[in-house]
Amino acid sequence: ARPATLAKAAALNQQTWATDQLAIGPRAAYLWCG
């Protein structure tokens, strides 16, 4: 409901997730779970 919630997850982009990937947009986040 709030973009600030997505900002809480932004630090996850600094990590390596093997086959998983993360993209954060202005209203949603997209997670590929390999």
PDB file of all heavy atoms in Angstrom:
ATOM      1  N   ALA A   1       0.827  -1.204   0.000  1.00  0.00           N
ATOM      2  CA  ALA A   1       0.000   0.000   0.000  1.00  0.00           C
ATOM      3  C   ALA A   1       0.865   1.259   0.000  1.00  0.00           C
ATOM      4  O   ALA A   1       0.428   2.314  -0.452  1.00  0.00           O
ATOM      5  CB  ALA A   1      -0.932   0.006   1.213  1.00  0.00           C
ATOM      6  N   ARG A   2       2.097   1.139   0.491  1.00  0.00           N
ATOM      7  CA  ARG A   2       2.979   2.302   0.616  1.00  0.00           C
ATOM      8  C   ARG A   2       4.343   2.011  -0.012  1.00  0.00           C
ATOM      9  O   ARG A   2       4.963   0.983   0.283  1.00  0.00           O
ATOM     10  CB  ARG A   2       3.176   2.633   2.087  1.00  0.00           C
ATOM     11  CG  ARG A   2       1.899   3.082   2.749  1.00  0.00           C
ATOM     12  CD  ARG A   2       2.153   3.413   4.223  1.00  0.00           C
ATOM     13  NE  ARG A   2       0.917   3.732   4.887  1.00  0.00           N
ATOM     14  CZ  ARG A   2       0.111   2.830   5.427  1.00  0.00           C
ATOM     15  NH1 ARG A   2       0.418   1.563   5.397  1.00  0.00           N
ATOM     16  NH2 ARG A   2      -1.008   3.205   6.007  1.00  0.00           N
ATOM     17  N   PRO A   3       4.836   2.917  -0.839  1.00  0.00           N
ATOM     18  CA  PRO A   3       6.170   2.732  -1.427  1.00  0.00           C
ATOM     19  C   PRO A   3       7.273   2.578  -0.373  1.00  0.00           C
ATOM     20  O   PRO A   3       8.271   1.915  -0.621  1.00  0.00           O
ATOM     21  CB  PRO A   3       6.376   3.995  -2.258  1.00  0.00           C
ATOM     22  CG  PRO A   3       4.992   4.477  -2.568  1.00  0.00           C
ATOM     23  CD  PRO A   3       4.164   4.107  -1.370  1.00  0.00           C
ATOM     24  N   ALA A   4       7.084   3.162   0.787  1.00  0.00           N
ATOM     25  CA  ALA A   4       8.094   3.052   1.844  1.00  0.00           C
ATOM     26  C   ALA A   4       8.320   1.604   2.256  1.00  0.00           C
ATOM     27  O   ALA A   4       9.414   1.233   2.677  1.00  0.00           O
ATOM     28  CB  ALA A   4       7.685   3.886   3.050  1.00  0.00           C
ATOM     29  N   THR A   5       7.306   0.776   2.116  1.00  0.00           N
ATOM     30  CA  THR A   5       7.455  -0.646   2.442  1.00  0.00           C
ATOM     31  C   THR A   5       8.458  -1.299   1.498  1.00  0.00           C
ATOM     32  O   THR A   5       9.291  -2.101   1.925  1.00  0.00           O
ATOM     33  CB  THR A   5       6.094  -1.358   2.352  1.00  0.00           C
ATOM     34  OG1 THR A   5       5.181  -0.735   3.260  1.00  0.00           O
ATOM     35  CG2 THR A   5       6.214  -2.830   2.696  1.00  0.00           C
ATOM     36  N   LEU A   6       8.387  -0.948   0.222  1.00  0.00           N
ATOM     37  CA  LEU A   6       9.338  -1.502  -0.741  1.00  0.00           C
ATOM     38  C   LEU A   6      10.756  -1.043  -0.446  1.00  0.00           C
ATOM     39  O   LEU A   6      11.715  -1.780  -0.657  1.00  0.00           O
ATOM     40  CB  LEU A   6       8.944  -1.115  -2.164  1.00  0.00           C
ATOM     41  CG  LEU A   6       7.623  -1.715  -2.661  1.00  0.00           C
ATOM     42  CD1 LEU A   6       7.261  -1.121  -4.009  1.00  0.00           C
ATOM     43  CD2 LEU A   6       7.713  -3.226  -2.719  1.00  0.00           C
ATOM     44  N   ALA A   7      10.887   0.175   0.067  1.00  0.00           N
ATOM     45  CA  ALA A   7      12.212   0.697   0.409  1.00  0.00           C
ATOM     46  C   ALA A   7      12.882  -0.151   1.484  1.00  0.00           C
ATOM     47  O   ALA A   7      14.111  -0.280   1.500  1.00  0.00           O
ATOM     48  CB  ALA A   7      12.098   2.144   0.860  1.00  0.00           C
ATOM     49  N   LYS A   8      12.092  -0.765   2.350  1.00  0.00           N
ATOM     50  CA  LYS A   8      12.644  -1.631   3.391  1.00  0.00           C
ATOM     51  C   LYS A   8      13.361  -2.837   2.796  1.00  0.00           C
ATOM     52  O   LYS A   8      14.265  -3.385   3.405  1.00  0.00           O
ATOM     53  CB  LYS A   8      11.539  -2.114   4.326  1.00  0.00           C
ATOM     54  CG  LYS A   8      10.904  -1.042   5.159  1.00  0.00           C
ATOM     55  CD  LYS A   8       9.796  -1.631   5.997  1.00  0.00           C
ATOM     56  CE  LYS A   8       9.077  -0.570   6.795  1.00  0.00           C
ATOM     57  NZ  LYS A   8       7.962  -1.138   7.581  1.00  0.00           N
ATOM     58  N   ALA A   9      12.935  -3.246   1.603  1.00  0.00           N
ATOM     59  CA  ALA A   9      13.525  -4.420   0.964  1.00  0.00           C
ATOM     60  C   ALA A   9      14.656  -4.061   0.010  1.00  0.00           C
ATOM     61  O   ALA A   9      15.327  -4.948  -0.517  1.00  0.00           O
ATOM     62  CB  ALA A   9      12.443  -5.192   0.221  1.00  0.00           C
ATOM     63  N   ALA A  10      14.913  -2.789  -0.217  1.00  0.00           N
ATOM     64  CA  ALA A  10      15.924  -2.357  -1.193  1.00  0.00           C
ATOM     65  C   ALA A  10      17.315  -2.897  -0.870  1.00  0.00           C
ATOM     66  O   ALA A  10      18.087  -3.204  -1.782  1.00  0.00           O
ATOM     67  CB  ALA A  10      15.945  -0.842  -1.291  1.00  0.00           C
ATOM     68  N   ALA A  11      17.645  -3.032   0.385  1.00  0.00           N
ATOM     69  CA  ALA A  11      18.962  -3.542   0.767  1.00  0.00           C
ATOM     70  C   ALA A  11      19.191  -4.968   0.275  1.00  0.00           C
ATOM     71  O   ALA A  11      20.333  -5.398   0.115  1.00  0.00           O
ATOM     72  CB  ALA A  11      19.129  -3.469   2.280  1.00  0.00           C
ATOM     73  N   LEU A  12      18.126  -5.684   0.008  1.00  0.00           N
ATOM     74  CA  LEU A  12      18.262  -7.060  -0.484  1.00  0.00           C
ATOM     75  C   LEU A  12      18.928  -7.105  -1.855  1.00  0.00           C
ATOM     76  O   LEU A  12      19.517  -8.117  -2.230  1.00  0.00           O
ATOM     77  CB  LEU A  12      16.898  -7.747  -0.538  1.00  0.00           C
ATOM     78  CG  LEU A  12      16.164  -7.898   0.795  1.00  0.00           C
ATOM     79  CD1 LEU A  12      14.781  -8.500   0.573  1.00  0.00           C
ATOM     80  CD2 LEU A  12      16.975  -8.741   1.759  1.00  0.00           C
ATOM     81  N   ASN A  13      18.844  -6.005  -2.598  1.00  0.00           N
ATOM     82  CA  ASN A  13      19.487  -5.942  -3.910  1.00  0.00           C
ATOM     83  C   ASN A  13      21.010  -5.928  -3.803  1.00  0.00           C
ATOM     84  O   ASN A  13      21.695  -6.155  -4.798  1.00  0.00           O
ATOM     85  CB  ASN A  13      19.028  -4.709  -4.686  1.00  0.00           C
ATOM     86  CG  ASN A  13      17.778  -4.989  -5.478  1.00  0.00           C
ATOM     87  OD1 ASN A  13      17.591  -6.088  -5.993  1.00  0.00           O
ATOM     88  ND2 ASN A  13      16.921  -4.005  -5.585  1.00  0.00           N
ATOM     89  N   GLN A  14      21.547  -5.676  -2.637  1.00  0.00           N
ATOM     90  CA  GLN A  14      22.992  -5.631  -2.446  1.00  0.00           C
ATOM     91  C   GLN A  14      23.585  -7.019  -2.207  1.00  0.00           C
ATOM     92  O   GLN A  14      24.799  -7.167  -2.120  1.00  0.00           O
ATOM     93  CB  GLN A  14      23.332  -4.718  -1.261  1.00  0.00           C
ATOM     94  CG  GLN A  14      22.780  -3.321  -1.391  1.00  0.00           C
ATOM     95  CD  GLN A  14      23.214  -2.633  -2.672  1.00  0.00           C
ATOM     96  OE1 GLN A  14      24.374  -2.698  -3.047  1.00  0.00           O
ATOM     97  NE2 GLN A  14      22.279  -2.011  -3.354  1.00  0.00           N
ATOM     98  N   GLN A  15      22.717  -8.024  -2.100  1.00  0.00           N
ATOM     99  CA  GLN A  15      23.167  -9.382  -1.815  1.00  0.00           C
ATOM    100  C   GLN A  15      23.045 -10.256  -3.056  1.00  0.00           C
ATOM    101  O   GLN A  15      22.280  -9.955  -3.965  1.00  0.00           O
ATOM    102  CB  GLN A  15      22.340  -9.978  -0.684  1.00  0.00           C
ATOM    103  CG  GLN A  15      22.447  -9.182   0.611  1.00  0.00           C
ATOM    104  CD  GLN A  15      21.568  -9.753   1.690  1.00  0.00           C
ATOM    105  OE1 GLN A  15      21.466 -10.952   1.846  1.00  0.00           O
ATOM    106  NE2 GLN A  15      20.931  -8.871   2.446  1.00  0.00           N
ATOM    107  N   THR A  16      23.786 -11.340  -3.058  1.00  0.00           N
ATOM    108  CA  THR A  16      23.698 -12.320  -4.132  1.00  0.00           C
ATOM    109  C   THR A  16      22.760 -13.429  -3.682  1.00  0.00           C
ATOM    110  O   THR A  16      22.889 -13.948  -2.574  1.00  0.00           O
ATOM    111  CB  THR A  16      25.098 -12.913  -4.431  1.00  0.00           C
ATOM    112  OG1 THR A  16      25.953 -11.824  -4.790  1.00  0.00           O
ATOM    113  CG2 THR A  16      25.027 -13.912  -5.553  1.00  0.00           C
ATOM    114  N   TRP A  17      21.837 -13.796  -4.541  1.00  0.00           N
ATOM    115  CA  TRP A  17      20.806 -14.763  -4.186  1.00  0.00           C
ATOM    116  C   TRP A  17      20.840 -16.020  -5.061  1.00  0.00           C
ATOM    117  O   TRP A  17      19.820 -16.629  -5.313  1.00  0.00           O
ATOM    118  CB  TRP A  17      19.427 -14.107  -4.275  1.00  0.00           C
ATOM    119  CG  TRP A  17      19.285 -12.993  -3.308  1.00  0.00           C
ATOM    120  CD1 TRP A  17      19.401 -11.664  -3.573  1.00  0.00           C
ATOM    121  CD2 TRP A  17      19.047 -13.104  -1.910  1.00  0.00           C
ATOM    122  NE1 TRP A  17      19.247 -10.942  -2.426  1.00  0.00           N
ATOM    123  CE2 TRP A  17      19.019 -11.797  -1.392  1.00  0.00           C
ATOM    124  CE3 TRP A  17      18.861 -14.174  -1.054  1.00  0.00           C
ATOM    125  CZ2 TRP A  17      18.814 -11.541  -0.038  1.00  0.00           C
ATOM    126  CZ3 TRP A  17      18.643 -13.912   0.287  1.00  0.00           C
ATOM    127  CH2 TRP A  17      18.618 -12.610   0.786  1.00  0.00           C
ATOM    128  N   ALA A  18      22.011 -16.399  -5.523  1.00  0.00           N
ATOM    129  CA  ALA A  18      22.171 -17.598  -6.371  1.00  0.00           C
ATOM    130  C   ALA A  18      21.257 -17.483  -7.583  1.00  0.00           C
ATOM    131  O   ALA A  18      21.433 -16.582  -8.381  1.00  0.00           O
ATOM    132  CB  ALA A  18      21.927 -18.862  -5.566  1.00  0.00           C
ATOM    133  N   THR A  19      20.258 -18.343  -7.685  1.00  0.00           N
ATOM    134  CA  THR A  19      19.369 -18.332  -8.855  1.00  0.00           C
ATOM    135  C   THR A  19      18.187 -17.390  -8.698  1.00  0.00           C
ATOM    136  O   THR A  19      17.395 -17.232  -9.616  1.00  0.00           O
ATOM    137  CB  THR A  19      18.843 -19.747  -9.156  1.00  0.00           C
ATOM    138  OG1 THR A  19      18.111 -20.212  -8.019  1.00  0.00           O
ATOM    139  CG2 THR A  19      19.978 -20.699  -9.467  1.00  0.00           C
ATOM    140  N   ASP A  20      18.038 -16.781  -7.528  1.00  0.00           N
ATOM    141  CA  ASP A  20      16.940 -15.847  -7.296  1.00  0.00           C
ATOM    142  C   ASP A  20      17.328 -14.443  -7.747  1.00  0.00           C
ATOM    143  O   ASP A  20      18.501 -14.082  -7.740  1.00  0.00           O
ATOM    144  CB  ASP A  20      16.567 -15.802  -5.815  1.00  0.00           C
ATOM    145  CG  ASP A  20      15.984 -17.111  -5.300  1.00  0.00           C
ATOM    146  OD1 ASP A  20      15.772 -18.027  -6.118  1.00  0.00           O
ATOM    147  OD2 ASP A  20      15.759 -17.205  -4.091  1.00  0.00           O
ATOM    148  N   GLN A  21      16.325 -13.656  -8.110  1.00  0.00           N
ATOM    149  CA  GLN A  21      16.556 -12.269  -8.529  1.00  0.00           C
ATOM    150  C   GLN A  21      15.449 -11.388  -7.978  1.00  0.00           C
ATOM    151  O   GLN A  21      14.318 -11.843  -7.806  1.00  0.00           O
ATOM    152  CB  GLN A  21      16.549 -12.176 -10.046  1.00  0.00           C
ATOM    153  CG  GLN A  21      17.571 -13.058 -10.690  1.00  0.00           C
ATOM    154  CD  GLN A  21      18.562 -12.304 -11.519  1.00  0.00           C
ATOM    155  OE1 GLN A  21      18.347 -11.152 -11.847  1.00  0.00           O
ATOM    156  NE2 GLN A  21      19.636 -12.946 -11.851  1.00  0.00           N
ATOM    157  N   LEU A  22      15.773 -10.117  -7.765  1.00  0.00           N
ATOM    158  CA  LEU A  22      14.821  -9.150  -7.229  1.00  0.00           C
ATOM    159  C   LEU A  22      14.880  -7.867  -8.038  1.00  0.00           C
ATOM    160  O   LEU A  22      15.959  -7.369  -8.341  1.00  0.00           O
ATOM    161  CB  LEU A  22      15.153  -8.838  -5.763  1.00  0.00           C
ATOM    162  CG  LEU A  22      14.359  -7.721  -5.086  1.00  0.00           C
ATOM    163  CD1 LEU A  22      12.890  -8.097  -4.959  1.00  0.00           C
ATOM    164  CD2 LEU A  22      14.952  -7.407  -3.722  1.00  0.00           C
ATOM    165  N   ALA A  23      13.715  -7.352  -8.393  1.00  0.00           N
ATOM    166  CA  ALA A  23      13.597  -6.034  -9.020  1.00  0.00           C
ATOM    167  C   ALA A  23      12.512  -5.284  -8.268  1.00  0.00           C
ATOM    168  O   ALA A  23      11.421  -5.819  -8.037  1.00  0.00           O
ATOM    169  CB  ALA A  23      13.243  -6.153 -10.499  1.00  0.00           C
ATOM    170  N   ILE A  24      12.824  -4.056  -7.873  1.00  0.00           N
ATOM    171  CA  ILE A  24      11.858  -3.258  -7.121  1.00  0.00           C
ATOM    172  C   ILE A  24      11.444  -2.070  -7.969  1.00  0.00           C
ATOM    173  O   ILE A  24      12.280  -1.275  -8.397  1.00  0.00           O
ATOM    174  CB  ILE A  24      12.441  -2.792  -5.779  1.00  0.00           C
ATOM    175  CG1 ILE A  24      12.805  -4.013  -4.925  1.00  0.00           C
ATOM    176  CG2 ILE A  24      11.438  -1.891  -5.050  1.00  0.00           C
ATOM    177  CD1 ILE A  24      13.463  -3.683  -3.618  1.00  0.00           C
ATOM    178  N   GLY A  25      10.147  -1.974  -8.215  1.00  0.00           N
ATOM    179  CA  GLY A  25       9.586  -0.861  -8.963  1.00  0.00           C
ATOM    180  C   GLY A  25       8.928   0.124  -8.013  1.00  0.00           C
ATOM    181  O   GLY A  25       9.001  -0.036  -6.789  1.00  0.00           O
ATOM    182  N   PRO A  26       8.247   1.142  -8.548  1.00  0.00           N
ATOM    183  CA  PRO A  26       7.631   2.153  -7.683  1.00  0.00           C
ATOM    184  C   PRO A  26       6.415   1.652  -6.902  1.00  0.00           C
ATOM    185  O   PRO A  26       6.092   2.194  -5.854  1.00  0.00           O
ATOM    186  CB  PRO A  26       7.229   3.256  -8.658  1.00  0.00           C
ATOM    187  CG  PRO A  26       7.158   2.598  -9.988  1.00  0.00           C
ATOM    188  CD  PRO A  26       8.123   1.461  -9.960  1.00  0.00           C
ATOM    189  N   ARG A  27       5.743   0.612  -7.391  1.00  0.00           N
ATOM    190  CA  ARG A  27       4.527   0.134  -6.723  1.00  0.00           C
ATOM    191  C   ARG A  27       4.541  -1.351  -6.391  1.00  0.00           C
ATOM    192  O   ARG A  27       3.621  -1.849  -5.743  1.00  0.00           O
ATOM    193  CB  ARG A  27       3.321   0.425  -7.603  1.00  0.00           C
ATOM    194  CG  ARG A  27       3.078   1.900  -7.764  1.00  0.00           C
ATOM    195  CD  ARG A  27       1.700   2.146  -8.316  1.00  0.00           C
ATOM    196  NE  ARG A  27       1.412   3.556  -8.271  1.00  0.00           N
ATOM    197  CZ  ARG A  27       1.393   4.323  -9.331  1.00  0.00           C
ATOM    198  NH1 ARG A  27       1.614   3.825 -10.518  1.00  0.00           N
ATOM    199  NH2 ARG A  27       1.122   5.603  -9.213  1.00  0.00           N
ATOM    200  N   ALA A  28       5.540  -2.072  -6.883  1.00  0.00           N
ATOM    201  CA  ALA A  28       5.598  -3.511  -6.652  1.00  0.00           C
ATOM    202  C   ALA A  28       7.040  -3.983  -6.738  1.00  0.00           C
ATOM    203  O   ALA A  28       7.904  -3.312  -7.291  1.00  0.00           O
ATOM    204  CB  ALA A  28       4.750  -4.244  -7.683  1.00  0.00           C
ATOM    205  N   ALA A  29       7.270  -5.156  -6.173  1.00  0.00           N
ATOM    206  CA  ALA A  29       8.566  -5.821  -6.298  1.00  0.00           C
ATOM    207  C   ALA A  29       8.339  -7.127  -7.035  1.00  0.00           C
ATOM    208  O   ALA A  29       7.276  -7.747  -6.919  1.00  0.00           O
ATOM    209  CB  ALA A  29       9.163  -6.077  -4.921  1.00  0.00           C
ATOM    210  N   TYR A  30       9.339  -7.518  -7.788  1.00  0.00           N
ATOM    211  CA  TYR A  30       9.248  -8.723  -8.608  1.00  0.00           C
ATOM    212  C   TYR A  30      10.356  -9.670  -8.178  1.00  0.00           C
ATOM    213  O   TYR A  30      11.526  -9.288  -8.159  1.00  0.00           O
ATOM    214  CB  TYR A  30       9.385  -8.354 -10.086  1.00  0.00           C
ATOM    215  CG  TYR A  30       8.367  -7.320 -10.494  1.00  0.00           C
ATOM    216  CD1 TYR A  30       8.648  -5.963 -10.368  1.00  0.00           C
ATOM    217  CD2 TYR A  30       7.115  -7.692 -10.960  1.00  0.00           C
ATOM    218  CE1 TYR A  30       7.709  -5.001 -10.714  1.00  0.00           C
ATOM    219  CE2 TYR A  30       6.171  -6.739 -11.308  1.00  0.00           C
ATOM    220  CZ  TYR A  30       6.476  -5.394 -11.179  1.00  0.00           C
ATOM    221  OH  TYR A  30       5.543  -4.456 -11.516  1.00  0.00           O
ATOM    222  N   LEU A  31       9.970 -10.875  -7.815  1.00  0.00           N
ATOM    223  CA  LEU A  31      10.931 -11.853  -7.321  1.00  0.00           C
ATOM    224  C   LEU A  31      10.924 -13.079  -8.221  1.00  0.00           C
ATOM    225  O   LEU A  31       9.859 -13.669  -8.452  1.00  0.00           O
ATOM    226  CB  LEU A  31      10.581 -12.296  -5.900  1.00  0.00           C
ATOM    227  CG  LEU A  31      10.677 -11.270  -4.784  1.00  0.00           C
ATOM    228  CD1 LEU A  31       9.432 -10.411  -4.720  1.00  0.00           C
ATOM    229  CD2 LEU A  31      10.883 -11.956  -3.463  1.00  0.00           C
ATOM    230  N   TRP A  32      12.094 -13.440  -8.742  1.00  0.00           N
ATOM    231  CA  TRP A  32      12.241 -14.683  -9.479  1.00  0.00           C
ATOM    232  C   TRP A  32      12.883 -15.676  -8.516  1.00  0.00           C
ATOM    233  O   TRP A  32      13.970 -15.433  -7.980  1.00  0.00           O
ATOM    234  CB  TRP A  32      13.117 -14.503 -10.713  1.00  0.00           C
ATOM    235  CG  TRP A  32      13.415 -15.815 -11.358  1.00  0.00           C
ATOM    236  CD1 TRP A  32      14.595 -16.506 -11.296  1.00  0.00           C
ATOM    237  CD2 TRP A  32      12.525 -16.614 -12.129  1.00  0.00           C
ATOM    238  NE1 TRP A  32      14.488 -17.677 -11.992  1.00  0.00           N
ATOM    239  CE2 TRP A  32      13.214 -17.776 -12.513  1.00  0.00           C
ATOM    240  CE3 TRP A  32      11.198 -16.454 -12.534  1.00  0.00           C
ATOM    241  CZ2 TRP A  32      12.636 -18.778 -13.273  1.00  0.00           C
ATOM    242  CZ3 TRP A  32      10.617 -17.445 -13.297  1.00  0.00           C
ATOM    243  CH2 TRP A  32      11.330 -18.592 -13.659  1.00  0.00           C
ATOM    244  N   CYS A  33      12.201 -16.772  -8.276  1.00  0.00           N
ATOM    245  CA  CYS A  33      12.664 -17.787  -7.331  1.00  0.00           C
ATOM    246  C   CYS A  33      13.124 -19.004  -8.128  1.00  0.00           C
ATOM    247  O   CYS A  33      12.333 -19.894  -8.451  1.00  0.00           O
ATOM    248  CB  CYS A  33      11.535 -18.153  -6.369  1.00  0.00           C
ATOM    249  SG  CYS A  33      10.863 -16.723  -5.497  1.00  0.00           S
ATOM    250  N   GLY A  34      14.399 -19.035  -8.456  1.00  0.00           N
ATOM    251  CA  GLY A  34      14.951 -20.022  -9.361  1.00  0.00           C
ATOM    252  C   GLY A  34      14.804 -21.465  -8.917  1.00  0.00           C
ATOM    253  O   GLY A  34      14.687 -22.357  -9.745  1.00  0.00           O
TER     254      GLY A  34
END
